[in-house]
PDB file of all heavy atoms in Angstrom:
ATOM      1  N   MET A   1      84.185  98.448 102.099  1.00  0.00           N
ATOM      2  CA  MET A   1      84.926  99.318 102.995  1.00  0.00           C
ATOM      3  C   MET A   1      85.359  98.563 104.252  1.00  0.00           C
ATOM      4  O   MET A   1      86.501  98.667 104.708  1.00  0.00           O
ATOM      5  CB  MET A   1      84.074 100.532 103.367  1.00  0.00           C
ATOM      6  CG  MET A   1      84.686 101.425 104.442  1.00  0.00           C
ATOM      7  SD  MET A   1      86.288 102.114 103.966  1.00  0.00           S
ATOM      8  CE  MET A   1      85.743 103.348 102.795  1.00  0.00           C
ATOM      9  N   LEU A   2      84.454  97.778 104.820  1.00  0.00           N
ATOM     10  CA  LEU A   2      84.763  97.009 106.016  1.00  0.00           C
ATOM     11  C   LEU A   2      85.899  96.021 105.754  1.00  0.00           C
ATOM     12  O   LEU A   2      86.830  95.893 106.559  1.00  0.00           O
ATOM     13  CB  LEU A   2      83.507  96.269 106.482  1.00  0.00           C
ATOM     14  CG  LEU A   2      83.638  95.401 107.727  1.00  0.00           C
ATOM     15  CD1 LEU A   2      84.045  96.240 108.924  1.00  0.00           C
ATOM     16  CD2 LEU A   2      82.313  94.685 107.999  1.00  0.00           C
ATOM     17  N   ALA A   3      85.839  95.332 104.616  1.00  0.00           N
ATOM     18  CA  ALA A   3      86.887  94.366 104.279  1.00  0.00           C
ATOM     19  C   ALA A   3      88.235  95.061 104.089  1.00  0.00           C
ATOM     20  O   ALA A   3      89.276  94.505 104.471  1.00  0.00           O
ATOM     21  CB  ALA A   3      86.501  93.601 103.014  1.00  0.00           C
ATOM     22  N   GLU A   4      88.214  96.260 103.515  1.00  0.00           N
ATOM     23  CA  GLU A   4      89.470  96.996 103.336  1.00  0.00           C
ATOM     24  C   GLU A   4      90.092  97.361 104.675  1.00  0.00           C
ATOM     25  O   GLU A   4      91.315  97.337 104.834  1.00  0.00           O
ATOM     26  CB  GLU A   4      89.224  98.266 102.513  1.00  0.00           C
ATOM     27  CG  GLU A   4      88.832  98.033 101.066  1.00  0.00           C
ATOM     28  CD  GLU A   4      89.874  97.270 100.271  1.00  0.00           C
ATOM     29  OE1 GLU A   4      91.022  97.145 100.753  1.00  0.00           O
ATOM     30  OE2 GLU A   4      89.545  96.783  99.170  1.00  0.00           O
ATOM     31  N   ARG A   5      89.264  97.704 105.643  1.00  0.00           N
ATOM     32  CA  ARG A   5      89.786  98.065 106.960  1.00  0.00           C
ATOM     33  C   ARG A   5      90.394  96.860 107.669  1.00  0.00           C
ATOM     34  O   ARG A   5      91.286  97.001 108.510  1.00  0.00           O
ATOM     35  CB  ARG A   5      88.662  98.668 107.808  1.00  0.00           C
ATOM     36  CG  ARG A   5      88.186 100.017 107.284  1.00  0.00           C
ATOM     37  CD  ARG A   5      86.924 100.488 107.983  1.00  0.00           C
ATOM     38  NE  ARG A   5      87.144 100.823 109.369  1.00  0.00           N
ATOM     39  CZ  ARG A   5      86.178 101.223 110.205  1.00  0.00           C
ATOM     40  NH1 ARG A   5      84.936 101.320 109.763  1.00  0.00           N
ATOM     41  NH2 ARG A   5      86.445 101.521 111.451  1.00  0.00           N
ATOM     42  N   ILE A   6      89.913  95.674 107.340  1.00  0.00           N
ATOM     43  CA  ILE A   6      90.396  94.456 107.983  1.00  0.00           C
ATOM     44  C   ILE A   6      91.585  93.851 107.243  1.00  0.00           C
ATOM     45  O   ILE A   6      92.425  93.168 107.835  1.00  0.00           O
ATOM     46  CB  ILE A   6      89.245  93.434 108.084  1.00  0.00           C
ATOM     47  CG1 ILE A   6      88.202  93.932 109.097  1.00  0.00           C
ATOM     48  CG2 ILE A   6      89.736  92.055 108.480  1.00  0.00           C
ATOM     49  CD1 ILE A   6      86.956  93.076 109.185  1.00  0.00           C
ATOM     50  N   HIS A   7      91.700  94.112 105.942  1.00  0.00           N
ATOM     51  CA  HIS A   7      92.736  93.480 105.124  1.00  0.00           C
ATOM     52  C   HIS A   7      94.130  93.739 105.696  1.00  0.00           C
ATOM     53  O   HIS A   7      94.445  94.866 106.099  1.00  0.00           O
ATOM     54  CB  HIS A   7      92.666  94.018 103.691  1.00  0.00           C
ATOM     55  CG  HIS A   7      93.345  93.148 102.685  1.00  0.00           C
ATOM     56  ND1 HIS A   7      94.713  93.058 102.573  1.00  0.00           N
ATOM     57  CD2 HIS A   7      92.841  92.299 101.748  1.00  0.00           C
ATOM     58  CE1 HIS A   7      95.022  92.218 101.617  1.00  0.00           C
ATOM     59  NE2 HIS A   7      93.908  91.738 101.097  1.00  0.00           N
ATOM     60  N   PRO A   8      94.994  92.699 105.758  1.00  0.00           N
ATOM     61  CA  PRO A   8      96.333  92.882 106.339  1.00  0.00           C
ATOM     62  C   PRO A   8      97.232  93.833 105.553  1.00  0.00           C
ATOM     63  O   PRO A   8      98.097  94.482 106.122  1.00  0.00           O
ATOM     64  CB  PRO A   8      96.914  91.458 106.351  1.00  0.00           C
ATOM     65  CG  PRO A   8      96.101  90.703 105.337  1.00  0.00           C
ATOM     66  CD  PRO A   8      94.739  91.309 105.373  1.00  0.00           C
ATOM     67  N   ARG A   9      97.044  93.932 104.248  1.00  0.00           N
ATOM     68  CA  ARG A   9      97.811  94.883 103.441  1.00  0.00           C
ATOM     69  C   ARG A   9      96.946  96.104 103.164  1.00  0.00           C
ATOM     70  O   ARG A   9      95.772  95.982 102.845  1.00  0.00           O
ATOM     71  CB  ARG A   9      98.225  94.257 102.102  1.00  0.00           C
ATOM     72  CG  ARG A   9      99.306  93.192 102.199  1.00  0.00           C
ATOM     73  CD  ARG A   9      99.659  92.696 100.805  1.00  0.00           C
ATOM     74  NE  ARG A   9     100.270  93.739  99.986  1.00  0.00           N
ATOM     75  CZ  ARG A   9     100.139  93.800  98.659  1.00  0.00           C
ATOM     76  NH1 ARG A   9      99.405  92.904  98.015  1.00  0.00           N
ATOM     77  NH2 ARG A   9     100.739  94.753  97.984  1.00  0.00           N
ATOM     78  N   SER A  10      97.516  97.279 103.278  1.00  0.00           N
ATOM     79  CA  SER A  10      96.727  98.496 103.088  1.00  0.00           C
ATOM     80  C   SER A  10      96.268  98.612 101.643  1.00  0.00           C
ATOM     81  O   SER A  10      96.917  98.110 100.715  1.00  0.00           O
ATOM     82  CB  SER A  10      97.553  99.726 103.468  1.00  0.00           C
ATOM     83  OG  SER A  10      98.545  99.977 102.489  1.00  0.00           O
ATOM     84  N   LEU A  11      95.152  99.305 101.463  1.00  0.00           N
ATOM     85  CA  LEU A  11      94.639  99.549 100.117  1.00  0.00           C
ATOM     86  C   LEU A  11      95.627 100.379  99.308  1.00  0.00           C
ATOM     87  O   LEU A  11      95.728 100.218  98.087  1.00  0.00           O
ATOM     88  CB  LEU A  11      93.282 100.257 100.202  1.00  0.00           C
ATOM     89  CG  LEU A  11      92.595 100.611  98.876  1.00  0.00           C
ATOM     90  CD1 LEU A  11      92.401  99.363  98.018  1.00  0.00           C
ATOM     91  CD2 LEU A  11      91.270 101.307  99.127  1.00  0.00           C
ATOM     92  N   THR A  12      96.382 101.255  99.978  1.00  0.00           N
ATOM     93  CA  THR A  12      97.383 102.064  99.275  1.00  0.00           C
ATOM     94  C   THR A  12      98.412 101.175  98.589  1.00  0.00           C
ATOM     95  O   THR A  12      98.739 101.383  97.414  1.00  0.00           O
ATOM     96  CB  THR A  12      98.085 103.016 100.264  1.00  0.00           C
ATOM     97  OG1 THR A  12      97.112 103.876 100.857  1.00  0.00           O
ATOM     98  CG2 THR A  12      99.133 103.856  99.558  1.00  0.00           C
ATOM     99  N   GLU A  13      98.921 100.175  99.317  1.00  0.00           N
ATOM    100  CA  GLU A  13      99.897  99.251  98.728  1.00  0.00           C
ATOM    101  C   GLU A  13      99.309  98.507  97.535  1.00  0.00           C
ATOM    102  O   GLU A  13      99.925  98.417  96.469  1.00  0.00           O
ATOM    103  CB  GLU A  13     100.343  98.229  99.774  1.00  0.00           C
ATOM    104  CG  GLU A  13     101.164  98.764 100.921  1.00  0.00           C
ATOM    105  CD  GLU A  13     101.512  97.635 101.887  1.00  0.00           C
ATOM    106  OE1 GLU A  13     102.445  96.880 101.581  1.00  0.00           O
ATOM    107  OE2 GLU A  13     100.825  97.515 102.919  1.00  0.00           O
ATOM    108  N   ARG A  14      98.111  97.981  97.721  1.00  0.00           N
ATOM    109  CA  ARG A  14      97.500  97.177  96.655  1.00  0.00           C
ATOM    110  C   ARG A  14      97.100  98.042  95.466  1.00  0.00           C
ATOM    111  O   ARG A  14      97.169  97.607  94.324  1.00  0.00           O
ATOM    112  CB  ARG A  14      96.293  96.410  97.211  1.00  0.00           C
ATOM    113  CG  ARG A  14      96.713  95.255  98.128  1.00  0.00           C
ATOM    114  CD  ARG A  14      95.537  94.533  98.746  1.00  0.00           C
ATOM    115  NE  ARG A  14      94.934  95.336  99.783  1.00  0.00           N
ATOM    116  CZ  ARG A  14      93.646  95.670  99.825  1.00  0.00           C
ATOM    117  NH1 ARG A  14      92.831  95.280  98.862  1.00  0.00           N
ATOM    118  NH2 ARG A  14      93.169  96.384 100.811  1.00  0.00           N
ATOM    119  N   HIS A  15      96.680  99.291  95.742  1.00  0.00           N
ATOM    120  CA  HIS A  15      96.306 100.177  94.647  1.00  0.00           C
ATOM    121  C   HIS A  15      97.519 100.513  93.781  1.00  0.00           C
ATOM    122  O   HIS A  15      97.414 100.576  92.543  1.00  0.00           O
ATOM    123  CB  HIS A  15      95.701 101.468  95.198  1.00  0.00           C
ATOM    124  CG  HIS A  15      95.415 102.484  94.133  1.00  0.00           C
ATOM    125  ND1 HIS A  15      94.387 102.349  93.222  1.00  0.00           N
ATOM    126  CD2 HIS A  15      96.054 103.640  93.803  1.00  0.00           C
ATOM    127  CE1 HIS A  15      94.386 103.371  92.396  1.00  0.00           C
ATOM    128  NE2 HIS A  15      95.392 104.174  92.722  1.00  0.00           N
ATOM    129  N   GLU A  16      98.683 100.717  94.403  1.00  0.00           N
ATOM    130  CA  GLU A  16      99.886 101.029  93.627  1.00  0.00           C
ATOM    131  C   GLU A  16     100.199  99.907  92.644  1.00  0.00           C
ATOM    132  O   GLU A  16     100.554 100.159  91.491  1.00  0.00           O
ATOM    133  CB  GLU A  16     101.066 101.247  94.573  1.00  0.00           C
ATOM    134  CG  GLU A  16     100.998 102.569  95.345  1.00  0.00           C
ATOM    135  CD  GLU A  16     102.153 102.717  96.316  1.00  0.00           C
ATOM    136  OE1 GLU A  16     102.976 101.776  96.394  1.00  0.00           O
ATOM    137  OE2 GLU A  16     102.225 103.752  97.004  1.00  0.00           O
ATOM    138  N   ALA A  17     100.060  98.667  93.116  1.00  0.00           N
ATOM    139  CA  ALA A  17     100.329  97.531  92.227  1.00  0.00           C
ATOM    140  C   ALA A  17      99.271  97.432  91.130  1.00  0.00           C
ATOM    141  O   ALA A  17      99.586  97.221  89.955  1.00  0.00           O
ATOM    142  CB  ALA A  17     100.373  96.237  93.044  1.00  0.00           C
ATOM    143  N   ALA A  18      97.994  97.626  91.512  1.00  0.00           N
ATOM    144  CA  ALA A  18      96.910  97.508  90.539  1.00  0.00           C
ATOM    145  C   ALA A  18      96.967  98.621  89.503  1.00  0.00           C
ATOM    146  O   ALA A  18      96.653  98.405  88.323  1.00  0.00           O
ATOM    147  CB  ALA A  18      95.564  97.521  91.253  1.00  0.00           C
ATOM    148  N   ALA A  19      97.375  99.830  89.935  1.00  0.00           N
ATOM    149  CA  ALA A  19      97.440 100.957  88.998  1.00  0.00           C
ATOM    150  C   ALA A  19      98.448 100.705  87.884  1.00  0.00           C
ATOM    151  O   ALA A  19      98.337 101.266  86.791  1.00  0.00           O
ATOM    152  CB  ALA A  19      97.789 102.245  89.743  1.00  0.00           C
ATOM    153  N   GLY A  20      99.411  99.851  88.148  1.00  0.00           N
ATOM    154  CA  GLY A  20     100.376  99.497  87.110  1.00  0.00           C
ATOM    155  C   GLY A  20      99.761  98.709  85.975  1.00  0.00           C
ATOM    156  O   GLY A  20     100.363  98.576  84.903  1.00  0.00           O
ATOM    157  N   GLU A  21      98.546  98.193  86.188  1.00  0.00           N
ATOM    158  CA  GLU A  21      97.848  97.414  85.167  1.00  0.00           C
ATOM    159  C   GLU A  21      96.865  98.257  84.362  1.00  0.00           C
ATOM    160  O   GLU A  21      96.094  97.719  83.562  1.00  0.00           O
ATOM    161  CB  GLU A  21      97.094  96.251  85.832  1.00  0.00           C
ATOM    162  CG  GLU A  21      97.970  95.307  86.634  1.00  0.00           C
ATOM    163  CD  GLU A  21      99.032  94.640  85.767  1.00  0.00           C
ATOM    164  OE1 GLU A  21      98.710  94.259  84.622  1.00  0.00           O
ATOM    165  OE2 GLU A  21     100.181  94.525  86.235  1.00  0.00           O
ATOM    166  N   ARG A  22      96.843  99.584  84.591  1.00  0.00           N
ATOM    167  CA  ARG A  22      95.897 100.423  83.840  1.00  0.00           C
ATOM    168  C   ARG A  22      96.171 100.291  82.342  1.00  0.00           C
ATOM    169  O   ARG A  22      97.315 100.159  81.916  1.00  0.00           O
ATOM    170  CB  ARG A  22      95.982 101.877  84.290  1.00  0.00           C
ATOM    171  CG  ARG A  22      97.330 102.536  84.095  1.00  0.00           C
ATOM    172  CD  ARG A  22      97.366 103.887  84.816  1.00  0.00           C
ATOM    173  NE  ARG A  22      98.620 104.580  84.603  1.00  0.00           N
ATOM    174  CZ  ARG A  22      99.748 104.346  85.271  1.00  0.00           C
ATOM    175  NH1 ARG A  22      99.772 103.390  86.211  1.00  0.00           N
ATOM    176  NH2 ARG A  22     100.835 105.038  85.017  1.00  0.00           N
ATOM    177  N   ALA A  23      95.092 100.338  81.568  1.00  0.00           N
ATOM    178  CA  ALA A  23      95.242 100.067  80.131  1.00  0.00           C
ATOM    179  C   ALA A  23      93.987 100.526  79.396  1.00  0.00           C
ATOM    180  O   ALA A  23      92.953 100.792  80.000  1.00  0.00           O
ATOM    181  CB  ALA A  23      95.469  98.574  79.893  1.00  0.00           C
ATOM    182  N   VAL A  24      94.118 100.613  78.090  1.00  0.00           N
ATOM    183  CA  VAL A  24      92.983 100.854  77.196  1.00  0.00           C
ATOM    184  C   VAL A  24      92.994  99.761  76.137  1.00  0.00           C
ATOM    185  O   VAL A  24      94.055  99.447  75.581  1.00  0.00           O
ATOM    186  CB  VAL A  24      93.070 102.243  76.523  1.00  0.00           C
ATOM    187  CG1 VAL A  24      91.932 102.421  75.523  1.00  0.00           C
ATOM    188  CG2 VAL A  24      93.044 103.357  77.562  1.00  0.00           C
ATOM    189  N   ARG A  25      91.857  99.170  75.886  1.00  0.00           N
ATOM    190  CA  ARG A  25      91.799  98.107  74.890  1.00  0.00           C
ATOM    191  C   ARG A  25      90.489  98.208  74.111  1.00  0.00           C
ATOM    192  O   ARG A  25      89.518  98.798  74.591  1.00  0.00           O
ATOM    193  CB  ARG A  25      91.942  96.726  75.530  1.00  0.00           C
ATOM    194  CG  ARG A  25      90.963  96.432  76.630  1.00  0.00           C
ATOM    195  CD  ARG A  25      91.431  95.254  77.485  1.00  0.00           C
ATOM    196  NE  ARG A  25      90.509  94.951  78.575  1.00  0.00           N
ATOM    197  CZ  ARG A  25      90.489  95.589  79.730  1.00  0.00           C
ATOM    198  NH1 ARG A  25      91.330  96.574  79.960  1.00  0.00           N
ATOM    199  NH2 ARG A  25      89.629  95.251  80.674  1.00  0.00           N
ATOM    200  N   VAL A  26      90.479  97.619  72.939  1.00  0.00           N
ATOM    201  CA  VAL A  26      89.307  97.643  72.065  1.00  0.00           C
ATOM    202  C   VAL A  26      88.846  96.210  71.833  1.00  0.00           C
ATOM    203  O   VAL A  26      89.655  95.324  71.537  1.00  0.00           O
ATOM    204  CB  VAL A  26      89.629  98.317  70.710  1.00  0.00           C
ATOM    205  CG1 VAL A  26      88.441  98.221  69.767  1.00  0.00           C
ATOM    206  CG2 VAL A  26      90.024  99.774  70.929  1.00  0.00           C
ATOM    207  N   VAL A  27      87.551  96.000  71.992  1.00  0.00           N
ATOM    208  CA  VAL A  27      86.951  94.685  71.751  1.00  0.00           C
ATOM    209  C   VAL A  27      85.930  94.853  70.632  1.00  0.00           C
ATOM    210  O   VAL A  27      84.950  95.598  70.772  1.00  0.00           O
ATOM    211  CB  VAL A  27      86.265  94.140  73.021  1.00  0.00           C
ATOM    212  CG1 VAL A  27      85.610  92.790  72.726  1.00  0.00           C
ATOM    213  CG2 VAL A  27      87.255  94.032  74.167  1.00  0.00           C
ATOM    214  N   ASP A  28      86.173  94.179  69.506  1.00  0.00           N
ATOM    215  CA  ASP A  28      85.267  94.292  68.366  1.00  0.00           C
ATOM    216  C   ASP A  28      83.946  93.584  68.655  1.00  0.00           C
ATOM    217  O   ASP A  28      83.909  92.517  69.280  1.00  0.00           O
ATOM    218  CB  ASP A  28      85.908  93.684  67.114  1.00  0.00           C
ATOM    219  CG  ASP A  28      87.084  94.517  66.634  1.00  0.00           C
ATOM    220  OD1 ASP A  28      87.060  95.740  66.840  1.00  0.00           O
ATOM    221  OD2 ASP A  28      88.025  93.937  66.049  1.00  0.00           O
TER     222      ASP A  28
END
């Protein structure tokens, strides 16, 4: 939480980009 408050880019911006990588996969 502390690092997020200090990070120059907001968590909202980074979350939008990361959410684009959501996926489901199967590992045998």
